[in-house]
Amino acid sequence: GEAYPDFAGAWPSVEPLSAELQTFEALLSDGRYADANEWHEITWKHDALPPFIDRLKALREWFEEQERRDSGESDR
């Protein structure tokens, strides 16, 4: 994140998502389909994915703000 030092939010990290998907794969390979389904409905949809998406949105908004600033400076 050194190229954009002004971004104050947390950079989206795929490591937590990868770890969760490995858990999911392990449940499936063990034939624990009910547990896998419960994992998808609860952990993935509520715990794993939303924080990642929120960070992506924050990063996108930050980039859009930078573009607005840059275009405003070039209008002078």
PDB file of N, CA and C in Angstrom:
ATOM      1  N   GLY A   1       0.810  -1.199   0.000  1.00  0.00           N
ATOM      2  CA  GLY A   1       0.000   0.000   0.000  1.00  0.00           C
ATOM      3  C   GLY A   1       0.845   1.251   0.000  1.00  0.00           C
ATOM      4  N   GLU A   2       2.152   1.151  -0.265  1.00  0.00           N
ATOM      5  CA  GLU A   2       2.986   2.348  -0.197  1.00  0.00           C
ATOM      6  C   GLU A   2       2.726   3.318  -1.336  1.00  0.00           C
ATOM      7  N   ALA A   3       2.208   2.824  -2.446  1.00  0.00           N
ATOM      8  CA  ALA A   3       1.947   3.702  -3.582  1.00  0.00           C
ATOM      9  C   ALA A   3       0.815   4.677  -3.271  1.00  0.00           C
ATOM     10  N   TYR A   4      -0.064   4.307  -2.341  1.00  0.00           N
ATOM     11  CA  TYR A   4      -1.189   5.161  -1.977  1.00  0.00           C
ATOM     12  C   TYR A   4      -1.183   5.358  -0.467  1.00  0.00           C
ATOM     13  N   PRO A   5      -0.234   6.127   0.027  1.00  0.00           N
ATOM     14  CA  PRO A   5      -0.073   6.232   1.483  1.00  0.00           C
ATOM     15  C   PRO A   5      -1.229   6.942   2.171  1.00  0.00           C
ATOM     16  N   ASP A   6      -2.044   7.697   1.404  1.00  0.00           N
ATOM     17  CA  ASP A   6      -3.104   8.480   2.025  1.00  0.00           C
ATOM     18  C   ASP A   6      -4.344   7.656   2.337  1.00  0.00           C
ATOM     19  N   PHE A   7      -4.446   6.445   1.777  1.00  0.00           N
ATOM     20  CA  PHE A   7      -5.628   5.634   2.051  1.00  0.00           C
ATOM     21  C   PHE A   7      -5.567   5.132   3.483  1.00  0.00           C
ATOM     22  N   ALA A   8      -6.519   5.590   4.302  1.00  0.00           N
ATOM     23  CA  ALA A   8      -6.464   5.307   5.736  1.00  0.00           C
ATOM     24  C   ALA A   8      -7.128   3.990   6.107  1.00  0.00           C
ATOM     25  N   GLY A   9      -7.939   3.443   5.212  1.00  0.00           N
ATOM     26  CA  GLY A   9      -8.676   2.232   5.540  1.00  0.00           C
ATOM     27  C   GLY A   9      -7.801   0.998   5.478  1.00  0.00           C
ATOM     28  N   ALA A  10      -8.389  -0.122   5.850  1.00  0.00           N
ATOM     29  CA  ALA A  10      -7.678  -1.394   5.756  1.00  0.00           C
ATOM     30  C   ALA A  10      -7.733  -1.884   4.315  1.00  0.00           C
ATOM     31  N   TRP A  11      -6.590  -2.270   3.795  1.00  0.00           N
ATOM     32  CA  TRP A  11      -6.577  -2.808   2.436  1.00  0.00           C
ATOM     33  C   TRP A  11      -7.287  -4.151   2.444  1.00  0.00           C
ATOM     34  N   PRO A  12      -8.110  -4.425   1.427  1.00  0.00           N
ATOM     35  CA  PRO A  12      -8.797  -5.719   1.374  1.00  0.00           C
ATOM     36  C   PRO A  12      -7.778  -6.857   1.311  1.00  0.00           C
ATOM     37  N   SER A  13      -7.945  -7.826   2.162  1.00  0.00           N
ATOM     38  CA  SER A  13      -7.028  -8.955   2.204  1.00  0.00           C
ATOM     39  C   SER A  13      -7.777 -10.231   1.855  1.00  0.00           C
ATOM     40  N   VAL A  14      -7.218 -11.007   0.926  1.00  0.00           N
ATOM     41  CA  VAL A  14      -7.890 -12.253   0.546  1.00  0.00           C
ATOM     42  C   VAL A  14      -7.507 -13.413   1.451  1.00  0.00           C
ATOM     43  N   GLU A  15      -6.514 -13.220   2.315  1.00  0.00           N
ATOM     44  CA  GLU A  15      -6.073 -14.336   3.158  1.00  0.00           C
ATOM     45  C   GLU A  15      -7.197 -14.892   4.034  1.00  0.00           C
ATOM     46  N   PRO A  16      -7.968 -14.027   4.727  1.00  0.00           N
ATOM     47  CA  PRO A  16      -9.058 -14.592   5.539  1.00  0.00           C
ATOM     48  C   PRO A  16     -10.069 -15.357   4.692  1.00  0.00           C
ATOM     49  N   LEU A  17     -10.362 -14.844   3.484  1.00  0.00           N
ATOM     50  CA  LEU A  17     -11.309 -15.542   2.620  1.00  0.00           C
ATOM     51  C   LEU A  17     -10.744 -16.883   2.184  1.00  0.00           C
ATOM     52  N   SER A  18      -9.464 -16.920   1.855  1.00  0.00           N
ATOM     53  CA  SER A  18      -8.830 -18.177   1.447  1.00  0.00           C
ATOM     54  C   SER A  18      -8.886 -19.199   2.576  1.00  0.00           C
ATOM     55  N   ALA A  19      -8.612 -18.748   3.790  1.00  0.00           N
ATOM     56  CA  ALA A  19      -8.650 -19.653   4.942  1.00  0.00           C
ATOM     57  C   ALA A  19     -10.051 -20.213   5.138  1.00  0.00           C
ATOM     58  N   GLU A  20     -11.056 -19.357   4.984  1.00  0.00           N
ATOM     59  CA  GLU A  20     -12.435 -19.815   5.144  1.00  0.00           C
ATOM     60  C   GLU A  20     -12.801 -20.822   4.056  1.00  0.00           C
ATOM     61  N   LEU A  21     -12.357 -20.558   2.821  1.00  0.00           N
ATOM     62  CA  LEU A  21     -12.679 -21.478   1.739  1.00  0.00           C
ATOM     63  C   LEU A  21     -12.016 -22.839   1.947  1.00  0.00           C
ATOM     64  N   GLN A  22     -10.831 -22.831   2.552  1.00  0.00           N
ATOM     65  CA  GLN A  22     -10.168 -24.106   2.857  1.00  0.00           C
ATOM     66  C   GLN A  22     -10.980 -24.903   3.879  1.00  0.00           C
ATOM     67  N   THR A  23     -11.558 -24.194   4.835  1.00  0.00           N
ATOM     68  CA  THR A  23     -12.442 -24.851   5.805  1.00  0.00           C
ATOM     69  C   THR A  23     -13.631 -25.474   5.083  1.00  0.00           C
ATOM     70  N   PHE A  24     -14.218 -24.705   4.166  1.00  0.00           N
ATOM     71  CA  PHE A  24     -15.360 -25.178   3.388  1.00  0.00           C
ATOM     72  C   PHE A  24     -14.988 -26.427   2.582  1.00  0.00           C
ATOM     73  N   GLU A  25     -13.848 -26.379   1.912  1.00  0.00           N
ATOM     74  CA  GLU A  25     -13.383 -27.518   1.115  1.00  0.00           C
ATOM     75  C   GLU A  25     -13.174 -28.752   1.994  1.00  0.00           C
ATOM     76  N   ALA A  26     -12.639 -28.539   3.197  1.00  0.00           N
ATOM     77  CA  ALA A  26     -12.409 -29.655   4.112  1.00  0.00           C
ATOM     78  C   ALA A  26     -13.731 -30.293   4.529  1.00  0.00           C
ATOM     79  N   LEU A  27     -14.731 -29.464   4.793  1.00  0.00           N
ATOM     80  CA  LEU A  27     -16.046 -29.991   5.163  1.00  0.00           C
ATOM     81  C   LEU A  27     -16.625 -30.818   4.022  1.00  0.00           C
ATOM     82  N   LEU A  28     -16.505 -30.298   2.805  1.00  0.00           N
ATOM     83  CA  LEU A  28     -17.042 -31.021   1.654  1.00  0.00           C
ATOM     84  C   LEU A  28     -16.305 -32.335   1.432  1.00  0.00           C
ATOM     85  N   SER A  29     -14.976 -32.299   1.513  1.00  0.00           N
ATOM     86  CA  SER A  29     -14.207 -33.516   1.249  1.00  0.00           C
ATOM     87  C   SER A  29     -14.449 -34.575   2.330  1.00  0.00           C
ATOM     88  N   ASP A  30     -14.872 -34.125   3.527  1.00  0.00           N
ATOM     89  CA  ASP A  30     -15.220 -35.073   4.590  1.00  0.00           C
ATOM     90  C   ASP A  30     -16.662 -35.566   4.462  1.00  0.00           C
ATOM     91  N   GLY A  31     -17.371 -35.044   3.452  1.00  0.00           N
ATOM     92  CA  GLY A  31     -18.768 -35.431   3.280  1.00  0.00           C
ATOM     93  C   GLY A  31     -19.705 -34.787   4.286  1.00  0.00           C
ATOM     94  N   ARG A  32     -19.255 -33.715   4.924  1.00  0.00           N
ATOM     95  CA  ARG A  32     -20.078 -33.032   5.943  1.00  0.00           C
ATOM     96  C   ARG A  32     -20.880 -31.921   5.267  1.00  0.00           C
ATOM     97  N   TYR A  33     -21.848 -32.344   4.442  1.00  0.00           N
ATOM     98  CA  TYR A  33     -22.566 -31.383   3.600  1.00  0.00           C
ATOM     99  C   TYR A  33     -23.458 -30.448   4.409  1.00  0.00           C
ATOM    100  N   ALA A  34     -24.062 -30.959   5.473  1.00  0.00           N
ATOM    101  CA  ALA A  34     -24.902 -30.096   6.312  1.00  0.00           C
ATOM    102  C   ALA A  34     -24.051 -29.012   6.973  1.00  0.00           C
ATOM    103  N   ASP A  35     -22.868 -29.409   7.459  1.00  0.00           N
ATOM    104  CA  ASP A  35     -21.966 -28.426   8.066  1.00  0.00           C
ATOM    105  C   ASP A  35     -21.483 -27.426   7.028  1.00  0.00           C
ATOM    106  N   ALA A  36     -21.210 -27.925   5.821  1.00  0.00           N
ATOM    107  CA  ALA A  36     -20.746 -27.036   4.751  1.00  0.00           C
ATOM    108  C   ALA A  36     -21.827 -26.029   4.394  1.00  0.00           C
ATOM    109  N   ASN A  37     -23.072 -26.495   4.333  1.00  0.00           N
ATOM    110  CA  ASN A  37     -24.177 -25.595   4.017  1.00  0.00           C
ATOM    111  C   ASN A  37     -24.362 -24.550   5.112  1.00  0.00           C
ATOM    112  N   GLU A  38     -24.266 -25.002   6.359  1.00  0.00           N
ATOM    113  CA  GLU A  38     -24.389 -24.077   7.497  1.00  0.00           C
ATOM    114  C   GLU A  38     -23.250 -23.057   7.463  1.00  0.00           C
ATOM    115  N   TRP A  39     -22.032 -23.526   7.138  1.00  0.00           N
ATOM    116  CA  TRP A  39     -20.884 -22.618   7.017  1.00  0.00           C
ATOM    117  C   TRP A  39     -21.180 -21.548   5.980  1.00  0.00           C
ATOM    118  N   HIS A  40     -21.730 -21.971   4.833  1.00  0.00           N
ATOM    119  CA  HIS A  40     -21.999 -21.008   3.759  1.00  0.00           C
ATOM    120  C   HIS A  40     -23.044 -19.989   4.180  1.00  0.00           C
ATOM    121  N   GLU A  41     -24.112 -20.474   4.808  1.00  0.00           N
ATOM    122  CA  GLU A  41     -25.216 -19.581   5.179  1.00  0.00           C
ATOM    123  C   GLU A  41     -24.829 -18.624   6.303  1.00  0.00           C
ATOM    124  N   ILE A  42     -24.007 -19.081   7.240  1.00  0.00           N
ATOM    125  CA  ILE A  42     -23.706 -18.259   8.421  1.00  0.00           C
ATOM    126  C   ILE A  42     -22.338 -17.603   8.305  1.00  0.00           C
ATOM    127  N   THR A  43     -21.297 -18.408   8.251  1.00  0.00           N
ATOM    128  CA  THR A  43     -19.938 -17.853   8.303  1.00  0.00           C
ATOM    129  C   THR A  43     -19.618 -17.026   7.067  1.00  0.00           C
ATOM    130  N   TRP A  44     -19.849 -17.614   5.887  1.00  0.00           N
ATOM    131  CA  TRP A  44     -19.461 -16.930   4.649  1.00  0.00           C
ATOM    132  C   TRP A  44     -20.287 -15.670   4.433  1.00  0.00           C
ATOM    133  N   LYS A  45     -21.610 -15.790   4.527  1.00  0.00           N
ATOM    134  CA  LYS A  45     -22.488 -14.664   4.192  1.00  0.00           C
ATOM    135  C   LYS A  45     -22.474 -13.560   5.244  1.00  0.00           C
ATOM    136  N   HIS A  46     -22.170 -13.914   6.496  1.00  0.00           N
ATOM    137  CA  HIS A  46     -22.278 -12.914   7.565  1.00  0.00           C
ATOM    138  C   HIS A  46     -20.937 -12.499   8.157  1.00  0.00           C
ATOM    139  N   ASP A  47     -19.987 -13.434   8.219  1.00  0.00           N
ATOM    140  CA  ASP A  47     -18.726 -13.136   8.900  1.00  0.00           C
ATOM    141  C   ASP A  47     -17.572 -12.875   7.938  1.00  0.00           C
ATOM    142  N   ALA A  48     -17.468 -13.677   6.891  1.00  0.00           N
ATOM    143  CA  ALA A  48     -16.284 -13.598   6.029  1.00  0.00           C
ATOM    144  C   ALA A  48     -16.415 -12.549   4.939  1.00  0.00           C
ATOM    145  N   LEU A  49     -17.518 -12.594   4.207  1.00  0.00           N
ATOM    146  CA  LEU A  49     -17.633 -11.756   3.009  1.00  0.00           C
ATOM    147  C   LEU A  49     -17.927 -10.276   3.284  1.00  0.00           C
ATOM    148  N   PRO A  50     -18.873  -9.939   4.175  1.00  0.00           N
ATOM    149  CA  PRO A  50     -19.219  -8.514   4.340  1.00  0.00           C
ATOM    150  C   PRO A  50     -18.052  -7.592   4.695  1.00  0.00           C
ATOM    151  N   PRO A  51     -17.164  -7.956   5.638  1.00  0.00           N
ATOM    152  CA  PRO A  51     -16.053  -7.033   5.931  1.00  0.00           C
ATOM    153  C   PRO A  51     -15.142  -6.824   4.725  1.00  0.00           C
ATOM    154  N   PHE A  52     -14.931  -7.886   3.942  1.00  0.00           N
ATOM    155  CA  PHE A  52     -14.095  -7.780   2.746  1.00  0.00           C
ATOM    156  C   PHE A  52     -14.741  -6.834   1.739  1.00  0.00           C
ATOM    157  N   ILE A  53     -16.045  -6.991   1.522  1.00  0.00           N
ATOM    158  CA  ILE A  53     -16.763  -6.133   0.577  1.00  0.00           C
ATOM    159  C   ILE A  53     -16.764  -4.687   1.063  1.00  0.00           C
ATOM    160  N   ASP A  54     -16.938  -4.492   2.370  1.00  0.00           N
ATOM    161  CA  ASP A  54     -16.910  -3.130   2.923  1.00  0.00           C
ATOM    162  C   ASP A  54     -15.562  -2.463   2.659  1.00  0.00           C
ATOM    163  N   ARG A  55     -14.472  -3.218   2.806  1.00  0.00           N
ATOM    164  CA  ARG A  55     -13.148  -2.643   2.550  1.00  0.00           C
ATOM    165  C   ARG A  55     -12.968  -2.331   1.072  1.00  0.00           C
ATOM    166  N   LEU A  56     -13.499  -3.193   0.206  1.00  0.00           N
ATOM    167  CA  LEU A  56     -13.430  -2.916  -1.231  1.00  0.00           C
ATOM    168  C   LEU A  56     -14.184  -1.636  -1.565  1.00  0.00           C
ATOM    169  N   LYS A  57     -15.374  -1.470  -0.986  1.00  0.00           N
ATOM    170  CA  LYS A  57     -16.168  -0.271  -1.237  1.00  0.00           C
ATOM    171  C   LYS A  57     -15.439   0.971  -0.753  1.00  0.00           C
ATOM    172  N   ALA A  58     -14.827   0.893   0.431  1.00  0.00           N
ATOM    173  CA  ALA A  58     -14.103   2.034   0.991  1.00  0.00           C
ATOM    174  C   ALA A  58     -12.932   2.400   0.083  1.00  0.00           C
ATOM    175  N   LEU A  59     -12.250   1.396  -0.422  1.00  0.00           N
ATOM    176  CA  LEU A  59     -11.111   1.646  -1.304  1.00  0.00           C
ATOM    177  C   LEU A  59     -11.582   2.284  -2.609  1.00  0.00           C
ATOM    178  N   ARG A  60     -12.675   1.769  -3.146  1.00  0.00           N
ATOM    179  CA  ARG A  60     -13.224   2.331  -4.386  1.00  0.00           C
ATOM    180  C   ARG A  60     -13.643   3.787  -4.188  1.00  0.00           C
ATOM    181  N   GLU A  61     -14.304   4.067  -3.070  1.00  0.00           N
ATOM    182  CA  GLU A  61     -14.723   5.445  -2.787  1.00  0.00           C
ATOM    183  C   GLU A  61     -13.509   6.356  -2.648  1.00  0.00           C
ATOM    184  N   TRP A  62     -12.456   5.838  -2.037  1.00  0.00           N
ATOM    185  CA  TRP A  62     -11.241   6.634  -1.876  1.00  0.00           C
ATOM    186  C   TRP A  62     -10.647   6.980  -3.237  1.00  0.00           C
ATOM    187  N   PHE A  63     -10.566   5.963  -4.129  1.00  0.00           N
ATOM    188  CA  PHE A  63     -10.041   6.220  -5.472  1.00  0.00           C
ATOM    189  C   PHE A  63     -10.898   7.233  -6.216  1.00  0.00           C
ATOM    190  N   GLU A  64     -12.226   7.116  -6.090  1.00  0.00           N
ATOM    191  CA  GLU A  64     -13.121   8.066  -6.761  1.00  0.00           C
ATOM    192  C   GLU A  64     -12.903   9.478  -6.240  1.00  0.00           C
ATOM    193  N   GLU A  65     -12.685   9.595  -4.933  1.00  0.00           N
ATOM    194  CA  GLU A  65     -12.418  10.911  -4.340  1.00  0.00           C
ATOM    195  C   GLU A  65     -11.111  11.491  -4.872  1.00  0.00           C
ATOM    196  N   GLN A  66     -10.093  10.631  -5.009  1.00  0.00           N
ATOM    197  CA  GLN A  66      -8.809  11.103  -5.563  1.00  0.00           C
ATOM    198  C   GLN A  66      -8.995  11.596  -6.992  1.00  0.00           C
ATOM    199  N   GLU A  67      -9.788  10.895  -7.788  1.00  0.00           N
ATOM    200  CA  GLU A  67     -10.031  11.287  -9.170  1.00  0.00           C
ATOM    201  C   GLU A  67     -10.766  12.617  -9.223  1.00  0.00           C
ATOM    202  N   ARG A  68     -11.738  12.791  -8.311  1.00  0.00           N
ATOM    203  CA  ARG A  68     -12.461  14.081  -8.281  1.00  0.00           C
ATOM    204  C   ARG A  68     -11.494  15.213  -7.941  1.00  0.00           C
ATOM    205  N   ARG A  69     -10.615  14.967  -6.983  1.00  0.00           N
ATOM    206  CA  ARG A  69      -9.636  15.980  -6.598  1.00  0.00           C
ATOM    207  C   ARG A  69      -8.705  16.305  -7.761  1.00  0.00           C
ATOM    208  N   ASP A  70      -8.196  15.248  -8.403  1.00  0.00           N
ATOM    209  CA  ASP A  70      -7.269  15.448  -9.519  1.00  0.00           C
ATOM    210  C   ASP A  70      -7.926  16.211 -10.655  1.00  0.00           C
ATOM    211  N   SER A  71      -9.163  15.871 -10.987  1.00  0.00           N
ATOM    212  CA  SER A  71      -9.834  16.559 -12.091  1.00  0.00           C
ATOM    213  C   SER A  71     -10.155  17.996 -11.705  1.00  0.00           C
ATOM    214  N   GLY A  72     -10.410  18.239 -10.416  1.00  0.00           N
ATOM    215  CA  GLY A  72     -10.676  19.598  -9.947  1.00  0.00           C
ATOM    216  C   GLY A  72      -9.421  20.461 -10.060  1.00  0.00           C
ATOM    217  N   GLU A  73      -8.256  19.885  -9.795  1.00  0.00           N
ATOM    218  CA  GLU A  73      -7.027  20.658  -9.872  1.00  0.00           C
ATOM    219  C   GLU A  73      -6.681  21.012 -11.317  1.00  0.00           C
ATOM    220  N   SER A  74      -7.031  20.120 -12.260  1.00  0.00           N
ATOM    221  CA  SER A  74      -6.651  20.379 -13.641  1.00  0.00           C
ATOM    222  C   SER A  74      -7.592  21.386 -14.306  1.00  0.00           C
ATOM    223  N   ASP A  75      -8.700  21.728 -13.640  1.00  0.00           N
ATOM    224  CA  ASP A  75      -9.641  22.690 -14.223  1.00  0.00           C
ATOM    225  C   ASP A  75      -9.187  24.132 -14.012  1.00  0.00           C
ATOM    226  N   ARG A  76      -8.221  24.322 -13.113  1.00  0.00           N
ATOM    227  CA  ARG A  76      -7.824  25.683 -12.790  1.00  0.00           C
ATOM    228  C   ARG A  76      -7.138  26.369 -13.959  1.00  0.00           C
TER     229      ARG A  76
END
